[in-house]
């Protein structure tokens, strides 16, 4: 239990720090452009998604709390 709590906490800390440093990511979404008979043409449209600051901070705080809890479990 302690190891799982520690691992999840570390993952959340890394994710929180990474999203604080890099606040958006770009991905492409296929969109149907033309469909005639059996021929289809699609466009790949780039979209930018933004991580909300509340989400970034929450992940970081939750990760720190889980690591602290894991250390407290280890002392008992």
PDB file of N, CA and C in Angstrom:
ATOM      1  N   UNK A   1       0.827  -1.194   0.000  1.00  0.00           N
ATOM      2  CA  UNK A   1       0.000   0.000   0.000  1.00  0.00           C
ATOM      3  C   UNK A   1       0.872   1.259   0.000  1.00  0.00           C
ATOM      4  N   UNK A   2       1.929   1.239   0.804  1.00  0.00           N
ATOM      5  CA  UNK A   2       2.803   2.395   0.904  1.00  0.00           C
ATOM      6  C   UNK A   2       3.498   2.660  -0.421  1.00  0.00           C
ATOM      7  N   UNK A   3       3.948   1.586  -1.093  1.00  0.00           N
ATOM      8  CA  UNK A   3       4.654   1.750  -2.359  1.00  0.00           C
ATOM      9  C   UNK A   3       3.730   2.335  -3.426  1.00  0.00           C
ATOM     10  N   UNK A   4       2.487   1.850  -3.480  1.00  0.00           N
ATOM     11  CA  UNK A   4       1.530   2.354  -4.460  1.00  0.00           C
ATOM     12  C   UNK A   4       1.219   3.830  -4.201  1.00  0.00           C
ATOM     13  N   UNK A   5       1.027   4.199  -2.935  1.00  0.00           N
ATOM     14  CA  UNK A   5       0.757   5.586  -2.587  1.00  0.00           C
ATOM     15  C   UNK A   5       1.938   6.474  -2.972  1.00  0.00           C
ATOM     16  N   UNK A   6       3.129   6.001  -2.732  1.00  0.00           N
ATOM     17  CA  UNK A   6       4.336   6.760  -3.063  1.00  0.00           C
ATOM     18  C   UNK A   6       4.477   6.931  -4.576  1.00  0.00           C
ATOM     19  N   UNK A   7       4.249   5.868  -5.331  1.00  0.00           N
ATOM     20  CA  UNK A   7       4.377   5.932  -6.791  1.00  0.00           C
ATOM     21  C   UNK A   7       3.347   6.887  -7.384  1.00  0.00           C
ATOM     22  N   UNK A   8       2.093   6.776  -6.954  1.00  0.00           N
ATOM     23  CA  UNK A   8       1.042   7.665  -7.463  1.00  0.00           C
ATOM     24  C   UNK A   8       1.350   9.112  -7.092  1.00  0.00           C
ATOM     25  N   UNK A   9       1.852   9.333  -5.890  1.00  0.00           N
ATOM     26  CA  UNK A   9       2.220  10.681  -5.464  1.00  0.00           C
ATOM     27  C   UNK A   9       3.324  11.270  -6.318  1.00  0.00           C
ATOM     28  N   UNK A  10       4.337  10.476  -6.615  1.00  0.00           N
ATOM     29  CA  UNK A  10       5.444  10.954  -7.446  1.00  0.00           C
ATOM     30  C   UNK A  10       4.970  11.244  -8.865  1.00  0.00           C
ATOM     31  N   UNK A  11       4.105  10.384  -9.400  1.00  0.00           N
ATOM     32  CA  UNK A  11       3.561  10.616 -10.742  1.00  0.00           C
ATOM     33  C   UNK A  11       2.768  11.921 -10.774  1.00  0.00           C
ATOM     34  N   UNK A  12       1.958  12.176  -9.750  1.00  0.00           N
ATOM     35  CA  UNK A  12       1.194  13.415  -9.698  1.00  0.00           C
ATOM     36  C   UNK A  12       2.093  14.640  -9.577  1.00  0.00           C
ATOM     37  N   UNK A  13       3.169  14.526  -8.806  1.00  0.00           N
ATOM     38  CA  UNK A  13       4.109  15.642  -8.671  1.00  0.00           C
ATOM     39  C   UNK A  13       4.774  15.938 -10.010  1.00  0.00           C
ATOM     40  N   UNK A  14       5.238  14.904 -10.688  1.00  0.00           N
ATOM     41  CA  UNK A  14       5.889  15.097 -11.990  1.00  0.00           C
ATOM     42  C   UNK A  14       4.895  15.696 -12.991  1.00  0.00           C
ATOM     43  N   UNK A  15       3.665  15.199 -13.001  1.00  0.00           N
ATOM     44  CA  UNK A  15       2.646  15.719 -13.910  1.00  0.00           C
ATOM     45  C   UNK A  15       2.327  17.182 -13.593  1.00  0.00           C
ATOM     46  N   UNK A  16       2.209  17.505 -12.306  1.00  0.00           N
ATOM     47  CA  UNK A  16       1.916  18.882 -11.907  1.00  0.00           C
ATOM     48  C   UNK A  16       3.021  19.842 -12.296  1.00  0.00           C
ATOM     49  N   UNK A  17       4.272  19.457 -12.080  1.00  0.00           N
ATOM     50  CA  UNK A  17       5.402  20.317 -12.443  1.00  0.00           C
ATOM     51  C   UNK A  17       5.496  20.452 -13.964  1.00  0.00           C
ATOM     52  N   UNK A  18       5.288  19.353 -14.686  1.00  0.00           N
ATOM     53  CA  UNK A  18       5.371  19.401 -16.148  1.00  0.00           C
ATOM     54  C   UNK A  18       4.289  20.296 -16.735  1.00  0.00           C
ATOM     55  N   UNK A  19       3.080  20.231 -16.198  1.00  0.00           N
ATOM     56  CA  UNK A  19       2.005  21.063 -16.743  1.00  0.00           C
ATOM     57  C   UNK A  19       2.150  22.522 -16.318  1.00  0.00           C
ATOM     58  N   UNK A  20       2.793  22.782 -15.199  1.00  0.00           N
ATOM     59  CA  UNK A  20       3.064  24.171 -14.842  1.00  0.00           C
ATOM     60  C   UNK A  20       4.072  24.790 -15.806  1.00  0.00           C
ATOM     61  N   UNK A  21       5.039  23.997 -16.235  1.00  0.00           N
ATOM     62  CA  UNK A  21       6.043  24.497 -17.159  1.00  0.00           C
ATOM     63  C   UNK A  21       5.559  24.548 -18.593  1.00  0.00           C
ATOM     64  N   UNK A  22       4.714  23.607 -18.972  1.00  0.00           N
ATOM     65  CA  UNK A  22       4.230  23.515 -20.342  1.00  0.00           C
ATOM     66  C   UNK A  22       2.713  23.470 -20.271  1.00  0.00           C
ATOM     67  N   UNK A  23       2.063  24.620 -20.393  1.00  0.00           N
ATOM     68  CA  UNK A  23       0.651  24.743 -20.047  1.00  0.00           C
ATOM     69  C   UNK A  23      -0.318  24.344 -21.148  1.00  0.00           C
ATOM     70  N   UNK A  24       0.136  23.979 -22.325  1.00  0.00           N
ATOM     71  CA  UNK A  24      -0.788  23.559 -23.373  1.00  0.00           C
ATOM     72  C   UNK A  24      -0.146  22.460 -24.209  1.00  0.00           C
ATOM     73  N   UNK A  25      -0.981  21.724 -24.906  1.00  0.00           N
ATOM     74  CA  UNK A  25      -0.478  20.740 -25.847  1.00  0.00           C
ATOM     75  C   UNK A  25      -1.315  20.807 -27.118  1.00  0.00           C
ATOM     76  N   UNK A  26      -0.693  20.458 -28.231  1.00  0.00           N
ATOM     77  CA  UNK A  26      -1.357  20.509 -29.520  1.00  0.00           C
ATOM     78  C   UNK A  26      -1.597  19.093 -30.020  1.00  0.00           C
ATOM     79  N   UNK A  27      -2.776  18.856 -30.510  1.00  0.00           N
ATOM     80  CA  UNK A  27      -3.112  17.561 -31.103  1.00  0.00           C
ATOM     81  C   UNK A  27      -3.942  17.814 -32.348  1.00  0.00           C
ATOM     82  N   UNK A  28      -3.985  16.839 -33.224  1.00  0.00           N
ATOM     83  CA  UNK A  28      -4.744  17.028 -34.458  1.00  0.00           C
ATOM     84  C   UNK A  28      -6.040  16.230 -34.410  1.00  0.00           C
ATOM     85  N   UNK A  29      -7.064  16.820 -34.985  1.00  0.00           N
ATOM     86  CA  UNK A  29      -8.393  16.214 -35.009  1.00  0.00           C
ATOM     87  C   UNK A  29      -8.789  16.026 -36.471  1.00  0.00           C
ATOM     88  N   UNK A  30      -9.135  14.785 -36.871  1.00  0.00           N
ATOM     89  CA  UNK A  30      -9.556  14.602 -38.255  1.00  0.00           C
ATOM     90  C   UNK A  30     -10.958  15.179 -38.481  1.00  0.00           C
ATOM     91  N   UNK A  31     -11.113  15.858 -39.593  1.00  0.00           N
ATOM     92  CA  UNK A  31     -12.408  16.425 -39.937  1.00  0.00           C
ATOM     93  C   UNK A  31     -12.731  16.064 -41.381  1.00  0.00           C
ATOM     94  N   UNK A  32     -13.937  15.547 -41.581  1.00  0.00           N
ATOM     95  CA  UNK A  32     -14.325  15.120 -42.914  1.00  0.00           C
ATOM     96  C   UNK A  32     -14.475  16.338 -43.817  1.00  0.00           C
ATOM     97  N   UNK A  33     -13.789  16.317 -44.945  1.00  0.00           N
ATOM     98  CA  UNK A  33     -13.844  17.439 -45.872  1.00  0.00           C
ATOM     99  C   UNK A  33     -14.782  17.128 -47.045  1.00  0.00           C
ATOM    100  N   UNK A  34     -14.523  16.026 -47.728  1.00  0.00           N
ATOM    101  CA  UNK A  34     -15.310  15.673 -48.905  1.00  0.00           C
ATOM    102  C   UNK A  34     -15.612  14.177 -48.873  1.00  0.00           C
ATOM    103  N   UNK A  35     -16.820  13.813 -49.265  1.00  0.00           N
ATOM    104  CA  UNK A  35     -17.166  12.407 -49.426  1.00  0.00           C
ATOM    105  C   UNK A  35     -17.990  12.281 -50.702  1.00  0.00           C
ATOM    106  N   UNK A  36     -17.413  11.637 -51.692  1.00  0.00           N
ATOM    107  CA  UNK A  36     -18.079  11.468 -52.985  1.00  0.00           C
ATOM    108  C   UNK A  36     -17.958  10.006 -53.390  1.00  0.00           C
ATOM    109  N   UNK A  37     -19.070   9.352 -53.605  1.00  0.00           N
ATOM    110  CA  UNK A  37     -19.145   7.923 -53.925  1.00  0.00           C
ATOM    111  C   UNK A  37     -18.420   7.123 -52.848  1.00  0.00           C
ATOM    112  N   UNK A  38     -17.305   6.483 -53.184  1.00  0.00           N
ATOM    113  CA  UNK A  38     -16.561   5.700 -52.201  1.00  0.00           C
ATOM    114  C   UNK A  38     -15.237   6.369 -51.836  1.00  0.00           C
ATOM    115  N   UNK A  39     -15.078   7.619 -52.187  1.00  0.00           N
ATOM    116  CA  UNK A  39     -13.839   8.346 -51.928  1.00  0.00           C
ATOM    117  C   UNK A  39     -14.093   9.349 -50.805  1.00  0.00           C
ATOM    118  N   UNK A  40     -13.245   9.294 -49.803  1.00  0.00           N
ATOM    119  CA  UNK A  40     -13.357  10.219 -48.676  1.00  0.00           C
ATOM    120  C   UNK A  40     -12.057  11.013 -48.548  1.00  0.00           C
ATOM    121  N   UNK A  41     -12.176  12.261 -48.249  1.00  0.00           N
ATOM    122  CA  UNK A  41     -11.006  13.104 -47.998  1.00  0.00           C
ATOM    123  C   UNK A  41     -11.169  13.737 -46.618  1.00  0.00           C
ATOM    124  N   UNK A  42     -10.119  13.642 -45.826  1.00  0.00           N
ATOM    125  CA  UNK A  42     -10.158  14.200 -44.469  1.00  0.00           C
ATOM    126  C   UNK A  42      -9.030  15.214 -44.304  1.00  0.00           C
ATOM    127  N   UNK A  43      -9.282  16.157 -43.442  1.00  0.00           N
ATOM    128  CA  UNK A  43      -8.277  17.148 -43.079  1.00  0.00           C
ATOM    129  C   UNK A  43      -7.850  16.912 -41.640  1.00  0.00           C
ATOM    130  N   UNK A  44      -6.587  17.081 -41.364  1.00  0.00           N
ATOM    131  CA  UNK A  44      -6.082  17.018 -39.993  1.00  0.00           C
ATOM    132  C   UNK A  44      -5.958  18.454 -39.494  1.00  0.00           C
ATOM    133  N   UNK A  45      -6.830  18.849 -38.591  1.00  0.00           N
ATOM    134  CA  UNK A  45      -6.839  20.218 -38.086  1.00  0.00           C
ATOM    135  C   UNK A  45      -6.165  20.252 -36.718  1.00  0.00           C
ATOM    136  N   UNK A  46      -5.101  21.051 -36.567  1.00  0.00           N
ATOM    137  CA  UNK A  46      -4.445  21.129 -35.258  1.00  0.00           C
ATOM    138  C   UNK A  46      -5.308  21.895 -34.252  1.00  0.00           C
ATOM    139  N   UNK A  47      -5.402  21.354 -33.058  1.00  0.00           N
ATOM    140  CA  UNK A  47      -6.149  21.992 -31.968  1.00  0.00           C
ATOM    141  C   UNK A  47      -5.206  22.160 -30.783  1.00  0.00           C
ATOM    142  N   UNK A  48      -5.389  23.238 -30.048  1.00  0.00           N
ATOM    143  CA  UNK A  48      -4.578  23.497 -28.862  1.00  0.00           C
ATOM    144  C   UNK A  48      -5.460  23.323 -27.626  1.00  0.00           C
ATOM    145  N   UNK A  49      -5.014  22.471 -26.711  1.00  0.00           N
ATOM    146  CA  UNK A  49      -5.725  22.268 -25.453  1.00  0.00           C
ATOM    147  C   UNK A  49      -4.891  22.853 -24.324  1.00  0.00           C
ATOM    148  N   UNK A  50      -5.554  23.510 -23.393  1.00  0.00           N
ATOM    149  CA  UNK A  50      -4.865  24.202 -22.301  1.00  0.00           C
ATOM    150  C   UNK A  50      -5.208  23.529 -20.976  1.00  0.00           C
ATOM    151  N   UNK A  51      -4.182  23.298 -20.153  1.00  0.00           N
ATOM    152  CA  UNK A  51      -4.404  22.791 -18.804  1.00  0.00           C
ATOM    153  C   UNK A  51      -4.796  23.966 -17.910  1.00  0.00           C
ATOM    154  N   UNK A  52      -5.916  23.874 -17.202  1.00  0.00           N
ATOM    155  CA  UNK A  52      -6.273  24.960 -16.281  1.00  0.00           C
ATOM    156  C   UNK A  52      -5.281  25.037 -15.114  1.00  0.00           C
ATOM    157  N   UNK A  53      -4.938  26.247 -14.653  1.00  0.00           N
ATOM    158  CA  UNK A  53      -3.994  26.386 -13.545  1.00  0.00           C
ATOM    159  C   UNK A  53      -4.453  25.667 -12.276  1.00  0.00           C
ATOM    160  N   UNK A  54      -5.768  25.627 -12.038  1.00  0.00           N
ATOM    161  CA  UNK A  54      -6.270  24.926 -10.859  1.00  0.00           C
ATOM    162  C   UNK A  54      -5.935  23.436 -10.928  1.00  0.00           C
ATOM    163  N   UNK A  55      -6.054  22.851 -12.113  1.00  0.00           N
ATOM    164  CA  UNK A  55      -5.753  21.430 -12.303  1.00  0.00           C
ATOM    165  C   UNK A  55      -4.276  21.147 -12.070  1.00  0.00           C
ATOM    166  N   UNK A  56      -3.417  22.035 -12.564  1.00  0.00           N
ATOM    167  CA  UNK A  56      -1.975  21.870 -12.390  1.00  0.00           C
ATOM    168  C   UNK A  56      -1.587  21.905 -10.914  1.00  0.00           C
ATOM    169  N   UNK A  57      -2.080  22.920 -10.222  1.00  0.00           N
ATOM    170  CA  UNK A  57      -1.766  23.061  -8.796  1.00  0.00           C
ATOM    171  C   UNK A  57      -2.351  21.946  -7.962  1.00  0.00           C
ATOM    172  N   UNK A  58      -3.554  21.512  -8.304  1.00  0.00           N
ATOM    173  CA  UNK A  58      -4.198  20.422  -7.566  1.00  0.00           C
ATOM    174  C   UNK A  58      -3.417  19.123  -7.699  1.00  0.00           C
ATOM    175  N   UNK A  59      -2.926  18.833  -8.898  1.00  0.00           N
ATOM    176  CA  UNK A  59      -2.133  17.620  -9.103  1.00  0.00           C
ATOM    177  C   UNK A  59      -0.854  17.679  -8.280  1.00  0.00           C
ATOM    178  N   UNK A  60      -0.216  18.826  -8.247  1.00  0.00           N
ATOM    179  CA  UNK A  60       1.023  18.989  -7.487  1.00  0.00           C
ATOM    180  C   UNK A  60       0.782  18.828  -5.986  1.00  0.00           C
ATOM    181  N   UNK A  61      -0.251  19.483  -5.469  1.00  0.00           N
ATOM    182  CA  UNK A  61      -0.570  19.394  -4.034  1.00  0.00           C
ATOM    183  C   UNK A  61      -0.987  17.976  -3.654  1.00  0.00           C
ATOM    184  N   UNK A  62      -1.808  17.341  -4.480  1.00  0.00           N
ATOM    185  CA  UNK A  62      -2.239  15.968  -4.187  1.00  0.00           C
ATOM    186  C   UNK A  62      -1.049  15.015  -4.182  1.00  0.00           C
ATOM    187  N   UNK A  63      -0.111  15.209  -5.101  1.00  0.00           N
ATOM    188  CA  UNK A  63       1.085  14.364  -5.130  1.00  0.00           C
ATOM    189  C   UNK A  63       1.928  14.528  -3.879  1.00  0.00           C
ATOM    190  N   UNK A  64       2.106  15.758  -3.425  1.00  0.00           N
ATOM    191  CA  UNK A  64       2.882  16.001  -2.202  1.00  0.00           C
ATOM    192  C   UNK A  64       2.183  15.370  -1.003  1.00  0.00           C
ATOM    193  N   UNK A  65       0.872  15.507  -0.929  1.00  0.00           N
ATOM    194  CA  UNK A  65       0.119  14.915   0.187  1.00  0.00           C
ATOM    195  C   UNK A  65       0.261  13.398   0.186  1.00  0.00           C
ATOM    196  N   UNK A  66       0.175  12.769  -0.986  1.00  0.00           N
ATOM    197  CA  UNK A  66       0.304  11.310  -1.050  1.00  0.00           C
ATOM    198  C   UNK A  66       1.707  10.845  -0.654  1.00  0.00           C
ATOM    199  N   UNK A  67       2.740  11.581  -1.043  1.00  0.00           N
ATOM    200  CA  UNK A  67       4.107  11.204  -0.654  1.00  0.00           C
ATOM    201  C   UNK A  67       4.285  11.342   0.859  1.00  0.00           C
ATOM    202  N   UNK A  68       3.735  12.402   1.435  1.00  0.00           N
ATOM    203  CA  UNK A  68       3.804  12.592   2.893  1.00  0.00           C
ATOM    204  C   UNK A  68       3.067  11.469   3.618  1.00  0.00           C
ATOM    205  N   UNK A  69       1.890  11.105   3.120  1.00  0.00           N
ATOM    206  CA  UNK A  69       1.127   9.995   3.722  1.00  0.00           C
ATOM    207  C   UNK A  69       1.904   8.709   3.632  1.00  0.00           C
ATOM    208  N   UNK A  70       2.566   8.454   2.496  1.00  0.00           N
ATOM    209  CA  UNK A  70       3.366   7.237   2.326  1.00  0.00           C
ATOM    210  C   UNK A  70       4.502   7.205   3.325  1.00  0.00           C
ATOM    211  N   UNK A  71       5.126   8.349   3.576  1.00  0.00           N
ATOM    212  CA  UNK A  71       6.220   8.387   4.544  1.00  0.00           C
ATOM    213  C   UNK A  71       5.698   8.160   5.973  1.00  0.00           C
ATOM    214  N   UNK A  72       4.495   8.680   6.262  1.00  0.00           N
ATOM    215  CA  UNK A  72       3.911   8.477   7.589  1.00  0.00           C
ATOM    216  C   UNK A  72       3.541   7.012   7.792  1.00  0.00           C
ATOM    217  N   UNK A  73       3.064   6.344   6.763  1.00  0.00           N
ATOM    218  CA  UNK A  73       2.743   4.912   6.847  1.00  0.00           C
ATOM    219  C   UNK A  73       4.016   4.114   7.100  1.00  0.00           C
ATOM    220  N   UNK A  74       5.130   4.549   6.495  1.00  0.00           N
ATOM    221  CA  UNK A  74       6.394   3.853   6.643  1.00  0.00           C
ATOM    222  C   UNK A  74       6.914   3.928   8.080  1.00  0.00           C
ATOM    223  N   UNK A  75       6.639   5.020   8.801  1.00  0.00           N
ATOM    224  CA  UNK A  75       7.136   5.185  10.168  1.00  0.00           C
ATOM    225  C   UNK A  75       6.425   4.286  11.156  1.00  0.00           C
ATOM    226  N   UNK A  76       5.185   3.895  10.843  1.00  0.00           N
ATOM    227  CA  UNK A  76       4.423   3.077  11.799  1.00  0.00           C
ATOM    228  C   UNK A  76       4.871   1.654  11.817  1.00  0.00           C
TER     229      UNK A  76
END
